[in-house]
Amino acid sequence: MTPNASSAPSAPSRRSFLASSAVAAAAVAGGMPLLAACGDSDNSSREGTTSAKDAKKILPAFVASNVVKPDIPARNGSAIGFTGKLDLAGLKTSVPEKLGKGGKVTIMSPFWGSPPKSDNDYYTAMNELIGVDVQWQNQDGNTYEQKLGAVLASSDVPDVVVVPGWNMNGKIPSAIIGKFADLGPYLSGDKVKEYPNLAAIPTDAWRRSIFGGKLRGLPMPAPWAPSMVPLYRRDIFEKEGYEVPTSCDEFMELAKDITNARAKRWACLDMKWTAFQAFGVLSGSEKPLGWNLVDGKLIYRVETEEYLEALEWSRKLFEAGVVHPDSKMGKNAPDAGPKFAKGEFLIYPNNISQWWGRTAEQATSNPEFRIWGMDIWGHDGGDPTLWADQPAGIFAFVNKKASESVIREVLAVANTTAAPYGTKEYMMTNYGVEGTHYTVKDGVPTKTDQGNLEVSNAYVMVASPAATIAHPDFPEVAKGQVEWQQRMGAFTKKSSFYGMQITEPSRWTNLSNDFEQLEDDIVRGRKKISDMQQAVSDWKSKGGDKLRDWYQQILDENGSAAN
């Protein structure tokens, strides 16, 4: 569904938890109280990564699913796409026999919004389908990192804990290794074939699930094509005759043309994330993607001229008065919906999931509304240089104290929630019960009020199928999203550490935390580019250069993943 882009047809994107660049940045950059203790000892190394050679011994065998054929196959790192109406009478079965044995499993997971009551109809139906009594311990997604730290520092850890990549700060990566079970004995090699939907999860996503030399995570796969899109009001562009820009200079001229403060119209929100893309800045949303080998030297994203140039261009947009005042005050995409719909601003960068989300919001009340995604441009008008997202960013982990029977119950849950689009299991996981949680008209399932309340951010967090985009209600949006990913994927490179799950030494884990805030201060004119240059110098002396040496050793031992 998000950081990044596969999506449930009538529910928030599975990556819509990166609902905005601002939220994502805050989640990645935000510090957290260090864990008082990491818990159980573990003989595995808590630092570094697992070599490709060792990973091959651990990874599950890949067996592609042939249950349903997509309308648009994956290409250039995109999700697969479905653009037709759902044939509900022809839904396939991907789990022919109930694998659950009736055991109880507790799952702690982040939740955005108000959680439903524990005995709601959706949870009851899912548990009956799987054959497992899942008890949810939903926690506020906005403060999840603090709760996660407290739970992992305690002796009272649920059977399953969901950990998004943006919450893997401080000592949490080390705690993951100490607290959670090795799933290799159940999933490595051909053992995964007992769970066919898990076997169809792409190998890159499984490799990201190796922590401390063991297969510990159940992944939510994601496309590696970019997930951050410059979204714009296509209906207003067409009405006013605006052209989509193809360079940073063109964007500035367009922004000035659009902006009329007296009429309460501005061109955009903070465009920092688009600036990073236009100037080819290394991705920094999930470690260790901010590092890359350049001309034989390992470079961190903040050390590059492109990084400073992107900040300077973003600052000029604020200076020119073309950025909506909300961005100046620190508000951004979480509050974007109503003012974007009113046309107070016409462009903002966000996770690709909002392409569908905003469309669905306005479909009834604002039928002329059309949101679309701009192709990313090179800053000088040439082709852009983009950097691949990680192939998985959210993981479910099983308590290492869990019995074999509990682990197998968890895998039964995961094998159901990883069912592909077009199956009965996918429909139940993403829509719930027909007549209760959704209705169907002309092949388009539509959530009821009860469905919107109950069928959200739960079972999809345990494991997911290969990244999928499908919107039976707005198939043109699904087609647009996948084709955008495929076009942008053609300009996308994989960094030296793409796909590796790397645990940094704890003494350097929070070394880069202050950069996000400083970036925002610079683009808003509160700080200068020279302040960033000084911060980079301080970063080097406080451990950045030593961290570079540490990453270089990983490259020396494991080789580069760059293409």
Protein backbone atom coordinates (compact mmCIF):
# COMPACT_ATOMS: atom_id res chain seq x y z
CA MET A 1 0.00 0.00 0.00
CA THR A 2 3.72 3.25 1.78
CA PRO A 3 7.72 5.75 3.41
CA ASN A 4 6.14 3.45 1.12
CA ALA A 5 3.55 2.10 -1.71
CA SER A 6 1.61 -1.05 -1.78
CA SER A 7 -1.95 -0.36 -0.79
CA ALA A 8 -5.14 -1.92 0.38
CA PRO A 9 -7.99 -0.98 -1.91
CA SER A 10 -10.25 0.63 0.68
CA ALA A 11 -8.01 1.21 3.66
CA PRO A 12 -5.10 3.47 4.51
CA SER A 13 -1.90 2.39 2.83
CA ARG A 14 0.23 -0.04 4.74
CA ARG A 15 2.92 2.54 4.38
CA SER A 16 0.61 5.45 4.99
CA PHE A 17 1.99 5.42 8.48
CA LEU A 18 4.64 7.57 6.81
CA ALA A 19 1.70 9.80 6.17
CA SER A 20 3.81 12.82 5.57
CA SER A 21 7.37 13.86 5.08
CA ALA A 22 7.09 15.78 8.33
CA VAL A 23 5.88 12.78 10.30
CA ALA A 24 8.44 10.52 8.68
CA ALA A 25 11.23 12.95 9.43
CA ALA A 26 10.17 13.34 13.02
CA ALA A 27 9.92 9.58 13.46
CA VAL A 28 13.34 8.95 11.98
CA ALA A 29 15.07 11.81 13.71
CA GLY A 30 13.34 11.68 17.06
CA GLY A 31 15.33 10.40 19.96
CA MET A 32 14.01 7.95 22.54
CA PRO A 33 14.89 7.04 26.10
CA LEU A 34 17.64 4.45 26.04
CA LEU A 35 16.54 1.03 27.16
CA ALA A 36 17.53 0.30 30.70
CA ALA A 37 18.49 -3.18 29.62
CA CYS A 38 18.34 -5.18 26.42
CA GLY A 39 17.08 -8.24 28.20
CA ASP A 40 18.14 -11.77 27.48
CA SER A 41 21.67 -12.44 26.40
CA ASP A 42 22.20 -13.65 22.86
CA ASN A 43 25.29 -15.15 21.34
CA SER A 44 24.66 -13.36 18.03
CA SER A 45 26.63 -10.25 17.20
CA ARG A 46 24.63 -7.12 17.99
CA GLU A 47 26.53 -4.96 15.54
CA GLY A 48 27.12 -5.07 11.79
CA THR A 49 25.27 -7.13 9.22
CA THR A 50 25.00 -10.64 7.81
CA SER A 51 27.06 -11.41 4.75
CA ALA A 52 25.35 -12.48 1.53
CA LYS A 53 27.01 -15.89 1.87
CA ASP A 54 25.67 -16.41 5.40
CA ALA A 55 22.28 -14.96 4.45
CA LYS A 56 21.82 -17.63 1.77
CA LYS A 57 21.88 -20.29 4.49
CA ILE A 58 19.18 -18.43 6.42
CA LEU A 59 16.79 -17.05 3.81
CA PRO A 60 13.50 -18.78 2.96
CA ALA A 61 13.22 -20.31 -0.50
CA PHE A 62 11.31 -18.07 -2.90
CA VAL A 63 8.30 -19.66 -4.55
CA ALA A 64 6.36 -17.16 -6.66
CA SER A 65 2.63 -17.08 -6.17
CA ASN A 66 0.58 -18.00 -9.23
CA VAL A 67 -2.79 -17.69 -7.53
CA VAL A 68 -3.64 -14.35 -9.17
CA LYS A 69 -2.01 -12.61 -12.15
CA PRO A 70 -1.56 -8.82 -11.83
CA ASP A 71 -2.76 -6.42 -14.53
CA ILE A 72 0.58 -4.57 -14.35
CA PRO A 73 3.64 -6.67 -13.45
CA ALA A 74 6.36 -5.16 -11.27
CA ARG A 75 9.09 -3.31 -13.19
CA ASN A 76 11.95 -1.01 -12.17
CA GLY A 77 11.26 -1.69 -8.51
CA SER A 78 7.54 -0.91 -8.67
CA ALA A 79 4.67 -2.61 -6.94
CA ILE A 80 2.45 -4.93 -8.95
CA GLY A 81 -0.80 -3.30 -10.03
CA PHE A 82 -4.44 -4.26 -10.42
CA THR A 83 -6.62 -1.91 -12.44
CA GLY A 84 -9.82 -3.87 -12.98
CA LYS A 85 -12.90 -4.42 -10.88
CA LEU A 86 -12.90 -7.19 -8.32
CA ASP A 87 -14.59 -10.43 -9.32
CA LEU A 88 -15.79 -11.30 -5.84
CA ALA A 89 -17.45 -14.46 -7.07
CA GLY A 90 -14.14 -15.58 -8.52
CA LEU A 91 -11.88 -14.91 -5.54
CA LYS A 92 -9.15 -17.52 -5.17
CA THR A 93 -8.23 -19.46 -2.07
CA SER A 94 -4.59 -19.22 -1.02
CA VAL A 95 -4.91 -21.00 2.35
CA PRO A 96 -6.90 -24.17 1.60
CA GLU A 97 -6.53 -25.57 5.13
CA LYS A 98 -6.75 -23.63 8.37
CA LEU A 99 -3.23 -23.73 9.85
CA GLY A 100 -4.08 -22.34 13.28
CA LYS A 101 -4.71 -24.79 16.12
CA GLY A 102 -6.84 -22.52 18.29
CA GLY A 103 -4.07 -21.13 20.45
CA LYS A 104 -3.88 -17.60 21.85
CA VAL A 105 -1.38 -14.99 20.57
CA THR A 106 -0.90 -11.45 21.91
CA ILE A 107 0.31 -8.82 19.44
CA MET A 108 1.52 -5.30 20.24
CA SER A 109 1.37 -2.96 17.27
CA PRO A 110 1.21 0.76 16.49
CA PHE A 111 -2.26 2.09 15.70
CA TRP A 112 -3.22 5.42 14.18
CA GLY A 113 -6.65 6.61 15.25
CA SER A 114 -9.03 5.16 17.83
CA PRO A 115 -8.65 1.38 18.23
CA PRO A 116 -11.87 -0.65 18.04
CA LYS A 117 -13.09 -2.74 20.96
CA SER A 118 -11.23 -6.01 21.38
CA ASP A 119 -14.20 -8.28 20.58
CA ASN A 120 -15.26 -6.49 17.40
CA ASP A 121 -16.70 -8.36 14.41
CA TYR A 122 -13.57 -7.95 12.27
CA TYR A 123 -11.19 -9.42 14.83
CA THR A 124 -13.64 -12.25 15.49
CA ALA A 125 -13.95 -13.09 11.78
CA MET A 126 -10.20 -12.95 11.17
CA ASN A 127 -9.47 -15.20 14.13
CA GLU A 128 -12.05 -17.69 12.90
CA LEU A 129 -10.53 -17.64 9.39
CA ILE A 130 -6.99 -18.22 10.71
CA GLY A 131 -7.80 -20.56 13.57
CA VAL A 132 -5.89 -18.46 16.11
CA ASP A 133 -7.17 -16.33 18.98
CA VAL A 134 -5.26 -13.08 18.35
CA GLN A 135 -5.44 -10.55 21.16
CA TRP A 136 -4.39 -7.05 20.07
CA GLN A 137 -2.47 -4.63 22.27
CA ASN A 138 -2.81 -1.55 20.08
CA GLN A 139 -0.62 1.42 20.98
CA ASP A 140 -0.71 5.03 19.79
CA GLY A 141 1.41 5.14 16.64
CA ASN A 142 2.48 8.72 17.29
CA THR A 143 4.18 7.82 20.59
CA TYR A 144 4.94 4.19 19.79
CA GLU A 145 8.69 4.48 20.11
CA GLN A 146 8.49 5.44 23.77
CA LYS A 147 6.10 2.58 24.52
CA LEU A 148 8.27 0.18 22.54
CA GLY A 149 11.35 1.18 24.50
CA ALA A 150 9.59 0.63 27.80
CA VAL A 151 8.18 -2.77 26.81
CA LEU A 152 11.47 -4.09 25.44
CA ALA A 153 13.26 -2.96 28.59
CA SER A 154 10.80 -4.96 30.71
CA SER A 155 10.31 -8.66 31.27
CA ASP A 156 6.71 -8.49 30.05
CA VAL A 157 7.00 -8.73 26.26
CA PRO A 158 3.93 -9.82 24.22
CA ASP A 159 4.09 -12.88 21.96
CA VAL A 160 4.50 -10.63 18.92
CA VAL A 161 5.78 -7.06 18.68
CA VAL A 162 5.55 -4.97 15.50
CA VAL A 163 8.49 -2.60 14.97
CA PRO A 164 8.52 -0.04 12.13
CA GLY A 165 11.97 0.77 10.77
CA TRP A 166 11.63 4.42 11.75
CA ASN A 167 11.36 3.35 15.39
CA MET A 168 14.64 1.40 15.35
CA ASN A 169 16.61 4.02 17.23
CA GLY A 170 18.69 3.98 20.39
CA LYS A 171 19.06 0.47 21.77
CA ILE A 172 15.96 -0.95 20.12
CA PRO A 173 17.95 -2.77 17.37
CA SER A 174 20.05 -4.44 20.05
CA ALA A 175 16.93 -5.31 22.03
CA ILE A 176 15.41 -6.92 18.93
CA ILE A 177 18.35 -9.31 18.82
CA GLY A 178 18.13 -10.02 22.54
CA LYS A 179 14.39 -10.36 22.90
CA PHE A 180 13.06 -12.07 19.78
CA ALA A 181 13.10 -15.57 18.37
CA ASP A 182 15.01 -17.07 15.48
CA LEU A 183 12.40 -18.06 12.90
CA GLY A 184 14.94 -19.85 10.73
CA PRO A 185 14.08 -23.32 12.05
CA TYR A 186 10.55 -22.77 10.72
CA LEU A 187 11.16 -20.74 7.56
CA SER A 188 14.70 -21.09 6.21
CA GLY A 189 15.15 -22.81 2.87
CA ASP A 190 12.37 -25.18 1.87
CA LYS A 191 10.79 -25.09 5.35
CA VAL A 192 8.88 -21.97 4.30
CA LYS A 193 6.95 -24.02 1.74
CA GLU A 194 4.67 -25.08 4.59
CA TYR A 195 3.50 -21.46 4.42
CA PRO A 196 3.06 -20.73 0.67
CA ASN A 197 2.11 -17.06 1.06
CA LEU A 198 5.24 -16.43 3.11
CA ALA A 199 7.28 -18.28 0.48
CA ALA A 200 6.04 -15.76 -2.10
CA ILE A 201 7.46 -12.78 -0.19
CA PRO A 202 10.40 -11.36 -2.18
CA THR A 203 13.84 -12.45 -1.01
CA ASP A 204 15.06 -8.85 -0.56
CA ALA A 205 12.36 -8.30 2.06
CA TRP A 206 13.43 -11.42 3.93
CA ARG A 207 17.06 -10.33 3.88
CA ARG A 208 16.03 -7.11 5.61
CA SER A 209 14.46 -9.32 8.27
CA ILE A 210 17.80 -10.79 9.40
CA PHE A 211 18.90 -9.27 12.70
CA GLY A 212 22.02 -10.40 14.49
CA GLY A 213 22.63 -13.25 12.06
CA LYS A 214 19.18 -14.80 12.55
CA LEU A 215 15.90 -14.57 10.63
CA ARG A 216 13.86 -12.78 13.27
CA GLY A 217 11.39 -10.58 11.40
CA LEU A 218 8.22 -11.17 9.43
CA PRO A 219 8.37 -8.38 6.82
CA MET A 220 6.01 -5.96 5.15
CA PRO A 221 7.53 -5.84 1.64
CA ALA A 222 7.82 -2.50 -0.12
CA PRO A 223 8.77 -1.38 -3.63
CA TRP A 224 12.30 -0.05 -3.99
CA ALA A 225 11.12 2.55 -6.49
CA PRO A 226 10.76 5.95 -4.75
CA SER A 227 7.77 6.38 -2.44
CA MET A 228 7.88 10.17 -1.98
CA VAL A 229 5.87 11.91 -4.71
CA PRO A 230 5.36 15.62 -5.51
CA LEU A 231 1.56 15.55 -5.47
CA TYR A 232 -0.42 18.30 -7.19
CA ARG A 233 -3.93 19.49 -8.04
CA ARG A 234 -4.18 18.30 -11.61
CA ASP A 235 -7.69 19.73 -12.02
CA ILE A 236 -6.56 23.26 -11.16
CA PHE A 237 -3.41 22.92 -13.27
CA GLU A 238 -5.53 22.04 -16.29
CA LYS A 239 -8.05 24.79 -15.59
CA GLU A 240 -5.36 27.48 -15.17
CA GLY A 241 -3.07 26.17 -17.91
CA TYR A 242 -0.14 25.47 -15.58
CA GLU A 243 2.59 23.19 -16.90
CA VAL A 244 4.28 20.57 -14.74
CA PRO A 245 7.87 21.80 -14.18
CA THR A 246 10.93 19.97 -15.45
CA SER A 247 13.63 21.80 -13.45
CA CYS A 248 14.05 23.67 -10.18
CA ASP A 249 14.08 27.02 -12.00
CA GLU A 250 10.82 26.16 -13.75
CA PHE A 251 9.30 25.14 -10.41
CA MET A 252 10.24 28.50 -8.89
CA GLU A 253 8.68 30.42 -11.78
CA LEU A 254 5.54 28.29 -11.61
CA ALA A 255 5.34 28.76 -7.84
CA LYS A 256 5.49 32.54 -8.20
CA ASP A 257 2.81 32.44 -10.88
CA ILE A 258 0.48 30.37 -8.68
CA THR A 259 0.95 32.30 -5.46
CA ASN A 260 -1.48 35.07 -4.52
CA ALA A 261 -1.38 35.57 -0.77
CA ARG A 262 -4.27 38.06 -0.82
CA ALA A 263 -6.43 35.42 -2.44
CA LYS A 264 -5.17 32.83 0.09
CA ARG A 265 -3.43 30.72 -2.51
CA TRP A 266 0.17 29.54 -2.27
CA ALA A 267 2.04 27.22 -4.56
CA CYS A 268 3.19 24.53 -2.16
CA LEU A 269 4.09 23.21 1.23
CA ASP A 270 7.71 22.64 2.28
CA MET A 271 9.34 20.98 -0.74
CA LYS A 272 12.49 19.77 1.04
CA TRP A 273 11.92 16.11 0.26
CA THR A 274 11.37 16.81 -3.43
CA ALA A 275 14.51 18.98 -3.38
CA PHE A 276 16.52 16.05 -2.06
CA GLN A 277 15.23 13.96 -4.96
CA ALA A 278 15.83 16.65 -7.59
CA PHE A 279 19.42 17.19 -6.45
CA GLY A 280 20.15 13.46 -6.16
CA VAL A 281 20.72 13.46 -2.40
CA LEU A 282 21.17 10.01 -0.89
CA SER A 283 18.07 8.69 0.84
CA GLY A 284 18.23 9.09 4.58
CA SER A 285 14.87 7.80 5.75
CA GLU A 286 16.04 4.35 6.86
CA LYS A 287 19.53 3.38 7.96
CA PRO A 288 21.95 2.77 6.37
CA LEU A 289 20.74 4.31 3.11
CA GLY A 290 22.41 7.64 3.81
CA TRP A 291 25.82 6.08 3.08
CA ASN A 292 27.25 5.31 -0.34
CA LEU A 293 30.57 4.66 -2.01
CA VAL A 294 31.44 7.64 -4.25
CA ASP A 295 34.65 7.60 -6.31
CA GLY A 296 36.14 5.05 -3.96
CA LYS A 297 35.28 6.95 -0.75
CA LEU A 298 32.43 6.26 1.62
CA ILE A 299 30.28 9.40 1.93
CA TYR A 300 27.37 10.26 4.20
CA ARG A 301 24.50 12.25 2.70
CA VAL A 302 25.10 15.42 4.76
CA GLU A 303 28.66 15.70 3.45
CA THR A 304 27.63 16.23 -0.16
CA GLU A 305 27.30 19.48 -2.10
CA GLU A 306 23.96 18.23 -3.43
CA TYR A 307 22.61 18.15 0.13
CA LEU A 308 23.49 21.80 0.74
CA GLU A 309 22.18 22.82 -2.68
CA ALA A 310 18.85 21.12 -1.97
CA LEU A 311 18.52 22.97 1.32
CA GLU A 312 19.41 26.27 -0.32
CA TRP A 313 16.77 25.83 -3.04
CA SER A 314 14.16 24.87 -0.46
CA ARG A 315 15.08 28.00 1.54
CA LYS A 316 14.62 30.19 -1.54
CA LEU A 317 11.04 28.93 -1.90
CA PHE A 318 10.27 30.15 1.61
CA GLU A 319 12.05 33.44 0.92
CA ALA A 320 9.99 33.94 -2.24
CA GLY A 321 6.79 33.63 -0.21
CA VAL A 322 5.40 30.77 -2.29
CA VAL A 323 5.18 28.28 0.60
CA HIS A 324 1.93 28.06 2.56
CA PRO A 325 2.20 29.74 6.01
CA ASP A 326 1.36 26.44 7.73
CA SER A 327 4.75 25.08 6.64
CA LYS A 328 6.48 28.12 8.08
CA MET A 329 4.86 27.32 11.42
CA GLY A 330 5.97 23.70 11.25
CA LYS A 331 2.64 22.27 10.16
CA ASN A 332 2.79 20.19 7.04
CA ALA A 333 1.15 17.20 5.44
CA PRO A 334 -0.72 15.79 8.48
CA ASP A 335 -2.95 18.87 8.25
CA ALA A 336 -2.83 19.15 4.47
CA GLY A 337 -6.11 17.57 3.42
CA PRO A 338 -8.73 20.30 3.90
CA LYS A 339 -6.56 23.20 2.69
CA PHE A 340 -5.29 21.20 -0.28
CA ALA A 341 -8.90 20.41 -1.17
CA LYS A 342 -9.81 24.12 -0.90
CA GLY A 343 -6.93 25.00 -3.22
CA GLU A 344 -4.99 27.04 -0.66
CA PHE A 345 -1.88 25.32 -2.02
CA LEU A 346 -1.50 23.14 -5.10
CA ILE A 347 1.65 21.03 -4.57
CA TYR A 348 3.15 19.04 -1.71
CA PRO A 349 5.52 16.07 -1.38
CA ASN A 350 4.17 13.02 0.34
CA ASN A 351 4.03 9.25 0.44
CA ILE A 352 2.50 7.77 -2.70
CA SER A 353 -0.37 6.36 -0.64
CA GLN A 354 -1.90 9.83 -0.34
CA TRP A 355 -2.54 9.86 -4.07
CA TRP A 356 -5.41 7.47 -3.48
CA GLY A 357 -6.21 8.68 0.04
CA ARG A 358 -6.92 12.27 -1.01
CA THR A 359 -8.87 11.06 -4.05
CA ALA A 360 -11.14 8.92 -1.88
CA GLU A 361 -11.65 11.74 0.64
CA GLN A 362 -12.93 14.16 -1.98
CA ALA A 363 -14.79 11.81 -4.32
CA THR A 364 -18.27 12.67 -3.09
CA SER A 365 -18.02 16.23 -1.82
CA ASN A 366 -15.64 17.57 -4.47
CA PRO A 367 -16.14 15.57 -7.70
CA GLU A 368 -13.95 17.93 -9.78
CA PHE A 369 -10.98 17.29 -7.49
CA ARG A 370 -8.05 15.46 -9.11
CA ILE A 371 -4.73 14.79 -7.46
CA TRP A 372 -1.81 13.44 -9.47
CA GLY A 373 1.92 12.85 -9.11
CA MET A 374 4.57 14.97 -10.83
CA ASP A 375 7.49 13.14 -12.36
CA ILE A 376 10.61 14.09 -10.43
CA TRP A 377 12.96 16.29 -12.39
CA GLY A 378 16.71 16.73 -12.27
CA HIS A 379 17.45 20.11 -10.67
CA ASP A 380 18.99 21.42 -13.91
CA GLY A 381 16.33 20.00 -16.19
CA GLY A 382 18.08 16.71 -16.93
CA ASP A 383 17.18 13.24 -15.72
CA PRO A 384 17.01 12.86 -11.94
CA THR A 385 19.25 10.59 -9.91
CA LEU A 386 17.06 8.82 -7.37
CA TRP A 387 17.90 6.34 -4.63
CA ALA A 388 16.10 3.12 -3.86
CA ASP A 389 13.92 2.71 -0.80
CA GLN A 390 14.52 -0.30 1.40
CA PRO A 391 12.59 -3.44 0.31
CA ALA A 392 10.94 -3.79 3.74
CA GLY A 393 10.44 -1.26 6.50
CA ILE A 394 8.01 -2.74 9.04
CA PHE A 395 8.55 -6.05 10.83
CA ALA A 396 6.75 -8.33 13.28
CA PHE A 397 8.91 -10.20 15.80
CA VAL A 398 8.10 -13.21 17.98
CA ASN A 399 9.11 -13.34 21.65
CA LYS A 400 12.12 -15.66 22.01
CA LYS A 401 10.43 -17.21 25.07
CA ALA A 402 7.47 -18.32 22.94
CA SER A 403 6.89 -22.06 22.63
CA GLU A 404 7.00 -23.82 19.28
CA SER A 405 3.19 -24.03 19.31
CA VAL A 406 2.89 -20.25 19.74
CA ILE A 407 5.44 -19.59 16.98
CA ARG A 408 3.49 -21.82 14.61
CA GLU A 409 0.28 -20.03 15.51
CA VAL A 410 1.98 -16.73 14.65
CA LEU A 411 3.12 -18.16 11.31
CA ALA A 412 -0.45 -19.28 10.62
CA VAL A 413 -1.54 -15.67 11.14
CA ALA A 414 1.25 -14.37 8.90
CA ASN A 415 0.52 -16.87 6.12
CA THR A 416 -3.05 -15.59 6.01
CA THR A 417 -2.25 -11.88 6.14
CA ALA A 418 0.39 -12.33 3.40
CA ALA A 419 -2.22 -13.66 0.97
CA PRO A 420 -2.11 -11.94 -2.43
CA TYR A 421 -4.68 -9.55 -3.81
CA GLY A 422 -7.60 -11.33 -5.46
CA THR A 423 -7.92 -14.00 -2.76
CA LYS A 424 -10.52 -14.60 -0.09
CA GLU A 425 -7.89 -14.18 2.61
CA TYR A 426 -6.77 -10.81 1.24
CA MET A 427 -10.36 -9.59 1.13
CA MET A 428 -11.00 -10.60 4.71
CA THR A 429 -7.71 -9.09 5.91
CA ASN A 430 -8.19 -5.79 4.11
CA TYR A 431 -11.98 -5.44 4.00
CA GLY A 432 -13.52 -7.65 6.66
CA VAL A 433 -16.93 -9.28 6.29
CA GLU A 434 -19.16 -8.42 3.33
CA GLY A 435 -22.39 -6.78 4.49
CA THR A 436 -20.87 -5.85 7.82
CA HIS A 437 -17.63 -4.08 6.96
CA TYR A 438 -18.16 -3.39 3.27
CA THR A 439 -20.78 -3.44 0.55
CA VAL A 440 -20.26 -4.12 -3.16
CA LYS A 441 -21.68 -2.22 -6.12
CA ASP A 442 -20.55 -2.82 -9.70
CA GLY A 443 -17.55 -4.80 -8.49
CA VAL A 444 -16.37 -2.03 -6.18
CA PRO A 445 -16.18 -2.85 -2.45
CA THR A 446 -16.90 0.14 -0.23
CA LYS A 447 -16.29 0.26 3.49
CA THR A 448 -19.19 0.83 5.81
CA ASP A 449 -18.83 3.05 8.87
CA GLN A 450 -18.20 -0.08 10.90
CA GLY A 451 -15.57 -1.20 8.38
CA ASN A 452 -13.77 2.12 8.57
CA LEU A 453 -13.68 1.82 12.34
CA GLU A 454 -12.63 -1.82 12.69
CA VAL A 455 -10.68 -2.83 9.56
CA SER A 456 -7.60 -0.72 10.00
CA ASN A 457 -3.90 -1.10 10.92
CA ALA A 458 -4.17 -4.50 12.54
CA TYR A 459 -3.59 -7.84 10.82
CA VAL A 460 -1.79 -6.23 7.87
CA MET A 461 1.01 -5.41 10.32
CA VAL A 462 1.95 -9.06 10.91
CA ALA A 463 3.10 -9.83 7.35
CA SER A 464 2.11 -8.72 3.86
CA PRO A 465 2.29 -9.97 0.28
CA ALA A 466 4.65 -8.55 -2.33
CA ALA A 467 4.02 -4.82 -2.70
CA THR A 468 0.66 -4.35 -4.39
CA ILE A 469 -1.35 -1.36 -5.56
CA ALA A 470 -5.04 -1.96 -6.22
CA HIS A 471 -7.96 0.46 -5.97
CA PRO A 472 -11.16 -1.02 -7.44
CA ASP A 473 -12.90 2.26 -6.60
CA PHE A 474 -10.32 4.35 -8.49
CA PRO A 475 -8.48 2.06 -10.93
CA GLU A 476 -7.04 5.06 -12.80
CA VAL A 477 -5.21 6.06 -9.62
CA ALA A 478 -3.76 2.57 -9.20
CA LYS A 479 -2.57 2.66 -12.81
CA GLY A 480 -1.10 6.13 -12.31
CA GLN A 481 0.73 5.12 -9.14
CA VAL A 482 2.33 1.99 -10.61
CA GLU A 483 3.30 3.72 -13.84
CA TRP A 484 4.82 6.61 -11.85
CA GLN A 485 6.89 4.13 -9.85
CA GLN A 486 8.04 2.43 -13.03
CA ARG A 487 9.06 5.70 -14.70
CA MET A 488 10.90 6.93 -11.61
CA GLY A 489 12.36 3.50 -10.97
CA ALA A 490 14.20 3.80 -14.30
CA PHE A 491 16.25 6.65 -12.74
CA THR A 492 16.75 4.90 -9.40
CA LYS A 493 20.02 3.49 -8.11
CA LYS A 494 20.67 1.15 -5.23
CA SER A 495 23.14 2.42 -2.68
CA SER A 496 26.11 0.40 -1.46
CA PHE A 497 24.09 -0.87 1.49
CA TYR A 498 20.76 -1.47 -0.21
CA GLY A 499 18.79 -4.30 1.36
CA MET A 500 21.21 -4.86 4.24
CA GLN A 501 19.90 -4.88 7.79
CA ILE A 502 22.68 -3.18 9.73
CA THR A 503 22.85 -2.63 13.46
CA GLU A 504 25.09 0.33 14.27
CA PRO A 505 27.16 0.41 17.45
CA SER A 506 25.00 2.02 20.12
CA ARG A 507 27.57 4.74 20.82
CA TRP A 508 26.86 6.22 17.37
CA THR A 509 23.18 5.39 16.96
CA ASN A 510 21.89 8.90 17.70
CA LEU A 511 24.81 10.76 16.15
CA SER A 512 22.74 12.16 13.25
CA ASN A 513 19.55 12.94 15.15
CA ASP A 514 19.91 16.74 15.11
CA PHE A 515 20.23 17.08 11.34
CA GLU A 516 16.48 16.91 10.65
CA GLN A 517 15.68 19.86 12.89
CA LEU A 518 18.59 21.85 11.53
CA GLU A 519 17.41 21.18 7.96
CA ASP A 520 14.00 22.58 8.81
CA ASP A 521 15.50 25.60 10.54
CA ILE A 522 17.66 26.35 7.49
CA VAL A 523 14.90 26.12 4.90
CA ARG A 524 12.72 28.38 7.07
CA GLY A 525 15.47 30.95 7.40
CA ARG A 526 16.11 30.45 11.11
CA LYS A 527 19.59 29.06 10.51
CA LYS A 528 22.19 29.44 7.76
CA ILE A 529 23.88 26.98 5.40
CA SER A 530 27.08 27.70 7.33
CA ASP A 531 25.37 26.30 10.44
CA MET A 532 24.91 23.01 8.61
CA GLN A 533 28.52 23.02 7.49
CA GLN A 534 29.58 23.48 11.10
CA ALA A 535 27.21 20.72 12.23
CA VAL A 536 28.74 18.35 9.67
CA SER A 537 32.21 19.22 10.92
CA ASP A 538 31.08 18.53 14.49
CA TRP A 539 29.46 15.26 13.38
CA LYS A 540 32.76 14.10 11.90
CA SER A 541 34.75 14.89 15.01
CA LYS A 542 32.17 13.41 17.40
CA GLY A 543 32.18 10.03 15.70
CA GLY A 544 31.15 10.44 12.07
CA ASP A 545 34.60 9.63 10.73
CA LYS A 546 34.85 6.60 13.01
CA LEU A 547 31.39 5.49 11.93
CA ARG A 548 32.57 5.83 8.31
CA ASP A 549 35.47 3.48 9.06
CA TRP A 550 33.04 1.04 10.66
CA TYR A 551 30.80 1.06 7.58
CA GLN A 552 33.85 0.71 5.34
CA GLN A 553 34.74 -2.48 7.16
CA ILE A 554 31.25 -3.82 6.44
CA LEU A 555 31.79 -3.07 2.75
CA ASP A 556 35.21 -4.68 2.81
CA GLU A 557 33.76 -7.83 4.35
CA ASN A 558 30.47 -8.04 2.45
CA GLY A 559 30.90 -6.13 -0.78
CA SER A 560 28.64 -3.43 -2.17
CA ALA A 561 24.98 -3.90 -3.03
CA ALA A 562 25.03 -0.96 -5.46
CA ASN A 563 23.91 -1.38 -9.05
